[in-house]
Amino acid sequence: MTSATSPRPQPTAHRTPRLIATDLDGTLLRDDKTVSERTIAALAAAEEAGIEVFFVTGRPARWMGIVSEHVHGHGLAICANGAAVVDLHAGGQLLESRPLEREVALDVVRLLRREAPGTTFAVDMTTGVHYEPDYPPFYLDVGASVAAAEKLLHEDEPGSGDPVLKLLALHRELSPDDFLALARTAAGDRATITRSSPTALLEVSGLGVSKASTLALCCAERGISADEVVAFGDMPNDIEMLSWAGRSYAMGNAHPDVIAAASGRTVANNEDGVALVIEDILRNSR
C-alpha cells in the first residue's frame, strides 16, 4: 500500500509508449534485490500490450540472473551503464560493446591518484572484474585478478587484452557527490564519469557512453523516438536517460539531482513505484 507521504505518479495523459526503460537497483528491484509479484505482473502486462521493456543498468551481464526471466520477448538488456548490450535469453551473451580504451582508463587512474590520494580501483572487463588489493573483493565474481590498476590495464600488445567496460574508483573518505565533482573536473574531458552507489564509488566509461546514448541507439534501430519512451531511475547514472526520454519518473527514494531531471515522480522502489506507473499507463491506454 502506498504511504500517505509518498509522491504519487503524475497522470499519464499521453499516448501509450512503445518502450519502457527501467533501472534495476533502487528502482525496479526492492532493497532485498527481489522483483515483487506486482512488478512481475506489470512487466508481463506491458509486454502483452505491445510495449517493449528494456532493463538499463550499471550491473554487468553476469549479475542479471535476478531479472533475466522477466525480460520477455526481445531478451535484450543494456548493462554496465551503456557499455554493453546483452541477450538475456542467451545467458547474457554480449551482442554489442562500447569499451573504455585502456590508455584512457590509465589516464583517469593517474589523474585520480594525483587529485584524490587514497583512491582504489577495479577494472570491469567483458570477461569479468579485477581489482586492486585495497578494493573490496567481489564475492560474486570468482577468478578475479588482484593487482595494481596499472598492471590490470597493461597489454603486451595493443588490442590483445579483453575489452574494458568500466573502470571503478572508490574513495573511503570523500563524500559521494564531492568525489564525483572532483573526478569530473579532473578527468571529465577524457571519459564519462558517474555513480550509482550510496558510497563514494565512481563508474568510468568511454567518453559519450551512457545509459541514454546506448538506449537511444537501441531505440533508433527499432524506429522508436524519445517521446515514445518512458524511463525510470534513482541515481546520477540515470540522469541522462531520464532527461532524454519523453516521459521519465524519479523514484521516491531518488537522489535530488535525479528528481530535478525527471519529468515526474513515483513512489519508492520498495513500494513498487515502477509497477504503479505501468499500471496507470495501461489503464489510461484502454
Protein backbone atom coordinates (compact mmCIF):
# COMPACT_ATOMS: atom_id res chain seq x y z
CA MET A 1 0.00 0.00 0.00
CA THR A 2 1.28 3.50 -0.80
CA SER A 3 2.02 5.58 2.28
CA ALA A 4 0.26 8.91 2.71
CA THR A 5 3.53 10.82 2.47
CA SER A 6 4.79 9.10 -0.70
CA PRO A 7 4.73 11.00 -4.00
CA ARG A 8 2.13 9.85 -6.48
CA PRO A 9 2.96 9.43 -10.16
CA GLN A 10 1.80 12.21 -12.43
CA PRO A 11 -1.24 11.40 -14.59
CA THR A 12 -0.32 9.72 -17.85
CA ALA A 13 -2.39 11.84 -20.22
CA HIS A 14 -0.10 10.86 -23.08
CA ARG A 15 -0.29 8.33 -25.86
CA THR A 16 0.73 4.79 -24.98
CA PRO A 17 4.54 4.47 -25.05
CA ARG A 18 6.30 1.95 -27.25
CA LEU A 19 9.15 1.27 -24.81
CA ILE A 20 9.72 1.34 -21.06
CA ALA A 21 13.33 1.72 -19.90
CA THR A 22 13.98 1.00 -16.26
CA ASP A 23 16.98 0.95 -13.98
CA LEU A 24 17.22 -2.02 -11.61
CA ASP A 25 18.84 -1.38 -8.22
CA GLY A 26 16.88 1.17 -6.22
CA THR A 27 14.27 1.32 -8.99
CA LEU A 28 12.70 -1.91 -10.26
CA LEU A 29 14.26 -4.10 -7.57
CA ARG A 30 13.34 -3.82 -3.93
CA ASP A 31 16.13 -3.25 -1.43
CA ASP A 32 16.41 -7.01 -0.87
CA LYS A 33 17.17 -7.36 -4.63
CA THR A 34 13.92 -9.13 -5.43
CA VAL A 35 11.30 -8.39 -8.07
CA SER A 36 7.88 -8.16 -6.43
CA GLU A 37 4.90 -10.13 -7.71
CA ARG A 38 3.17 -6.84 -8.52
CA THR A 39 6.12 -5.72 -10.63
CA ILE A 40 6.35 -9.09 -12.40
CA ALA A 41 2.67 -8.80 -13.29
CA ALA A 42 3.09 -5.21 -14.52
CA LEU A 43 6.02 -6.13 -16.77
CA ALA A 44 4.04 -9.02 -18.25
CA ALA A 45 1.03 -6.76 -18.83
CA ALA A 46 3.21 -4.18 -20.61
CA GLU A 47 4.59 -6.90 -22.88
CA GLU A 48 1.07 -8.16 -23.63
CA ALA A 49 0.06 -4.60 -24.53
CA GLY A 50 2.90 -4.43 -27.07
CA ILE A 51 5.20 -2.21 -25.00
CA GLU A 52 8.85 -3.30 -25.01
CA VAL A 53 10.63 -3.24 -21.65
CA PHE A 54 14.37 -2.65 -21.51
CA PHE A 55 16.38 -3.11 -18.33
CA VAL A 56 19.05 -0.39 -18.36
CA THR A 57 21.53 -0.87 -15.53
CA GLY A 58 25.01 -0.32 -14.23
CA ARG A 59 25.18 -4.04 -13.44
CA PRO A 60 27.37 -6.33 -15.52
CA ALA A 61 25.66 -9.02 -17.58
CA ARG A 62 26.84 -11.70 -15.16
CA TRP A 63 24.69 -10.14 -12.40
CA MET A 64 21.45 -10.14 -14.41
CA GLY A 65 20.08 -13.52 -13.36
CA ILE A 66 17.62 -11.91 -10.94
CA VAL A 67 15.67 -10.35 -13.84
CA SER A 68 16.51 -12.49 -16.87
CA GLU A 69 13.19 -14.37 -16.84
CA HIS A 70 11.23 -11.10 -16.82
CA VAL A 71 12.70 -9.53 -19.97
CA HIS A 72 10.07 -11.27 -22.15
CA GLY A 73 10.09 -11.12 -25.95
CA HIS A 74 13.24 -9.41 -27.16
CA GLY A 75 15.59 -10.69 -24.45
CA LEU A 76 17.82 -7.63 -24.53
CA ALA A 77 19.26 -5.54 -21.69
CA ILE A 78 21.66 -2.61 -21.55
CA CYS A 79 24.35 -3.24 -18.95
CA ALA A 80 27.43 -1.53 -17.50
CA ASN A 81 25.88 1.95 -17.86
CA GLY A 82 25.53 1.57 -21.61
CA ALA A 83 28.85 -0.14 -22.34
CA ALA A 84 27.18 -3.47 -23.21
CA VAL A 85 24.02 -4.75 -24.87
CA VAL A 86 23.36 -8.36 -23.93
CA ASP A 87 20.87 -11.11 -24.75
CA LEU A 88 19.45 -12.43 -21.50
CA HIS A 89 17.69 -15.24 -23.37
CA ALA A 90 21.16 -16.48 -24.31
CA GLY A 91 22.58 -16.34 -20.81
CA GLY A 92 23.82 -12.76 -21.04
CA GLN A 93 25.60 -13.15 -24.37
CA LEU A 94 27.35 -9.92 -25.34
CA LEU A 95 25.86 -8.52 -28.55
CA GLU A 96 27.41 -5.06 -28.65
CA SER A 97 30.05 -3.27 -26.58
CA ARG A 98 31.21 0.31 -26.27
CA PRO A 99 34.50 -0.18 -24.43
CA LEU A 100 36.69 2.20 -22.50
CA GLU A 101 40.10 2.48 -24.14
CA ARG A 102 42.83 1.23 -21.85
CA GLU A 103 45.02 4.28 -22.38
CA VAL A 104 42.12 6.50 -21.37
CA ALA A 105 41.50 4.34 -18.30
CA LEU A 106 45.17 4.66 -17.37
CA ASP A 107 44.94 8.44 -17.74
CA VAL A 108 41.95 8.51 -15.39
CA VAL A 109 43.79 6.32 -12.87
CA ARG A 110 46.80 8.68 -12.92
CA LEU A 111 44.64 11.79 -12.58
CA LEU A 112 42.59 10.43 -9.69
CA ARG A 113 45.65 9.11 -7.87
CA ARG A 114 47.03 12.66 -8.06
CA GLU A 115 43.84 14.60 -7.27
CA ALA A 116 42.31 12.18 -4.74
CA PRO A 117 45.05 10.22 -2.97
CA GLY A 118 43.71 7.03 -1.48
CA THR A 119 41.53 6.16 -4.46
CA THR A 120 41.49 2.45 -5.20
CA PHE A 121 40.36 0.87 -8.46
CA ALA A 122 38.68 -2.11 -10.09
CA VAL A 123 38.54 -2.91 -13.80
CA ASP A 124 35.37 -4.47 -15.20
CA MET A 125 36.04 -6.30 -18.46
CA THR A 126 33.81 -8.31 -20.77
CA THR A 127 35.21 -11.46 -19.17
CA GLY A 128 34.96 -10.40 -15.52
CA VAL A 129 36.16 -7.93 -12.94
CA HIS A 130 39.66 -7.48 -11.46
CA TYR A 131 40.69 -5.19 -8.65
CA GLU A 132 43.43 -3.69 -6.52
CA PRO A 133 44.42 -5.19 -3.14
CA ASP A 134 42.68 -2.40 -1.17
CA TYR A 135 39.47 -2.60 -3.19
CA PRO A 136 36.59 -4.51 -1.52
CA PRO A 137 36.51 -8.02 -3.02
CA PHE A 138 33.72 -9.09 -5.39
CA TYR A 139 32.38 -12.24 -3.78
CA LEU A 140 30.04 -12.86 -6.72
CA ASP A 141 32.97 -12.99 -9.12
CA VAL A 142 35.38 -15.89 -8.82
CA GLY A 143 38.74 -15.96 -10.52
CA ALA A 144 39.41 -12.23 -10.28
CA SER A 145 43.00 -11.00 -10.56
CA VAL A 146 44.26 -8.76 -7.75
CA ALA A 147 46.91 -6.23 -8.75
CA ALA A 148 47.53 -2.51 -9.23
CA ALA A 149 45.24 -0.92 -11.81
CA GLU A 150 48.22 -0.11 -14.00
CA LYS A 151 49.07 -3.81 -14.19
CA LEU A 152 45.45 -4.83 -14.73
CA LEU A 153 45.20 -2.41 -17.66
CA HIS A 154 48.53 -3.34 -19.22
CA GLU A 155 48.57 -5.07 -22.61
CA ASP A 156 51.61 -6.80 -24.07
CA GLU A 157 50.39 -5.64 -27.48
CA PRO A 158 47.66 -3.07 -28.25
CA GLY A 159 44.32 -4.80 -28.61
CA SER A 160 45.48 -8.08 -27.11
CA GLY A 161 43.51 -7.72 -23.86
CA ASP A 162 39.82 -8.16 -23.15
CA PRO A 163 37.65 -5.07 -23.74
CA VAL A 164 37.23 -2.84 -20.69
CA LEU A 165 33.61 -1.91 -19.98
CA LYS A 166 34.09 0.22 -16.86
CA LEU A 167 36.74 1.48 -14.51
CA LEU A 168 35.55 1.64 -10.89
CA ALA A 169 37.09 4.15 -8.49
CA LEU A 170 36.44 4.05 -4.74
CA HIS A 171 37.38 6.60 -2.08
CA ARG A 172 36.76 5.81 1.57
CA GLU A 173 36.84 9.37 2.95
CA LEU A 174 35.31 11.74 0.39
CA SER A 175 31.55 12.16 0.16
CA PRO A 176 29.98 10.56 -2.93
CA ASP A 177 28.95 13.82 -4.58
CA ASP A 178 32.23 15.57 -3.75
CA PHE A 179 34.21 12.70 -5.24
CA LEU A 180 32.07 12.76 -8.38
CA ALA A 181 32.54 16.51 -8.80
CA LEU A 182 36.29 16.23 -8.24
CA ALA A 183 36.64 13.37 -10.73
CA ARG A 184 34.62 15.16 -13.40
CA THR A 185 36.77 18.26 -13.01
CA ALA A 186 39.96 16.22 -13.22
CA ALA A 187 39.04 13.77 -15.99
CA GLY A 188 35.59 14.57 -17.34
CA ASP A 189 37.06 15.55 -20.70
CA ARG A 190 38.55 12.05 -21.05
CA ALA A 191 35.68 9.79 -20.04
CA THR A 192 32.09 9.62 -18.82
CA ILE A 193 32.10 9.57 -15.01
CA THR A 194 29.03 8.88 -12.91
CA ARG A 195 27.87 6.99 -9.85
CA SER A 196 25.05 4.70 -8.78
CA SER A 197 26.19 3.67 -5.31
CA PRO A 198 25.37 5.40 -1.99
CA THR A 199 29.11 5.24 -1.28
CA ALA A 200 31.91 7.21 -2.95
CA LEU A 201 32.18 4.67 -5.77
CA LEU A 202 32.50 6.12 -9.26
CA GLU A 203 31.92 4.37 -12.58
CA VAL A 204 34.05 5.45 -15.54
CA SER A 205 33.02 4.65 -19.12
CA GLY A 206 34.17 5.69 -22.55
CA LEU A 207 33.53 9.32 -23.42
CA GLY A 208 29.92 9.68 -24.54
CA VAL A 209 28.92 6.23 -23.30
CA SER A 210 25.91 6.33 -21.00
CA LYS A 211 22.61 4.60 -20.43
CA ALA A 212 20.98 7.33 -22.51
CA SER A 213 23.26 7.14 -25.53
CA THR A 214 23.05 3.35 -25.83
CA LEU A 215 19.30 3.36 -25.23
CA ALA A 216 18.95 5.97 -27.99
CA LEU A 217 20.87 3.69 -30.37
CA CYS A 218 18.69 0.68 -29.49
CA CYS A 219 15.54 2.76 -29.97
CA ALA A 220 16.75 4.11 -33.31
CA GLU A 221 17.23 0.53 -34.54
CA ARG A 222 13.56 -0.07 -33.74
CA GLY A 223 12.24 3.19 -35.13
CA ILE A 224 11.28 4.36 -31.65
CA SER A 225 11.65 8.07 -30.84
CA ALA A 226 12.47 9.57 -27.46
CA ASP A 227 8.91 10.81 -26.98
CA GLU A 228 7.70 7.20 -27.22
CA VAL A 229 9.86 6.14 -24.24
CA VAL A 230 9.06 6.16 -20.52
CA ALA A 231 12.11 5.84 -18.24
CA PHE A 232 12.64 5.20 -14.52
CA GLY A 233 15.68 5.76 -12.30
CA ASP A 234 17.01 6.78 -8.91
CA MET A 235 20.71 7.70 -9.10
CA PRO A 236 23.03 10.08 -11.02
CA ASN A 237 23.86 7.43 -13.64
CA ASP A 238 20.18 7.63 -14.68
CA ILE A 239 20.03 11.39 -15.21
CA GLU A 240 20.90 11.45 -18.92
CA MET A 241 18.38 8.69 -19.65
CA LEU A 242 15.63 10.45 -17.73
CA SER A 243 16.39 13.72 -19.48
CA TRP A 244 16.35 12.03 -22.92
CA ALA A 245 13.10 10.09 -22.56
CA GLY A 246 9.82 11.76 -23.44
CA ARG A 247 8.44 10.83 -20.03
CA SER A 248 10.53 9.97 -17.01
CA TYR A 249 9.99 9.16 -13.37
CA ALA A 250 12.31 9.59 -10.41
CA MET A 251 11.70 7.07 -7.66
CA GLY A 252 10.52 8.26 -4.26
CA ASN A 253 13.94 7.26 -2.93
CA ALA A 254 15.86 9.06 -5.72
CA HIS A 255 18.88 11.35 -5.47
CA PRO A 256 17.87 15.06 -5.54
CA ASP A 257 19.57 15.60 -8.91
CA VAL A 258 17.52 12.75 -10.37
CA ILE A 259 14.30 14.26 -9.09
CA ALA A 260 15.25 17.55 -10.75
CA ALA A 261 15.97 15.82 -14.07
CA ALA A 262 12.83 13.70 -14.32
CA SER A 263 9.51 14.92 -15.66
CA GLY A 264 7.56 13.05 -12.98
CA ARG A 265 7.94 11.18 -9.72
CA THR A 266 6.61 7.91 -8.40
CA VAL A 267 6.81 6.13 -5.06
CA ALA A 268 9.89 4.33 -3.76
CA ASN A 269 11.27 1.06 -5.08
CA ASN A 270 10.08 -0.81 -2.00
CA GLU A 271 6.54 0.41 -2.77
CA ASP A 272 6.65 -0.85 -6.38
CA GLY A 273 6.87 2.61 -7.94
CA VAL A 274 7.61 1.28 -11.44
CA ALA A 275 4.66 -1.09 -11.36
CA LEU A 276 2.38 1.69 -10.17
CA VAL A 277 3.19 3.84 -13.20
CA ILE A 278 2.94 0.93 -15.65
CA GLU A 279 -0.50 0.08 -14.28
CA ASP A 280 -1.51 3.71 -14.70
CA ILE A 281 -0.20 3.79 -18.28
CA LEU A 282 -2.10 0.65 -19.22
CA ARG A 283 -5.28 1.81 -17.52
CA ASN A 284 -5.21 5.11 -19.42
CA SER A 285 -4.45 3.42 -22.75
CA ARG A 286 -7.68 1.44 -22.82
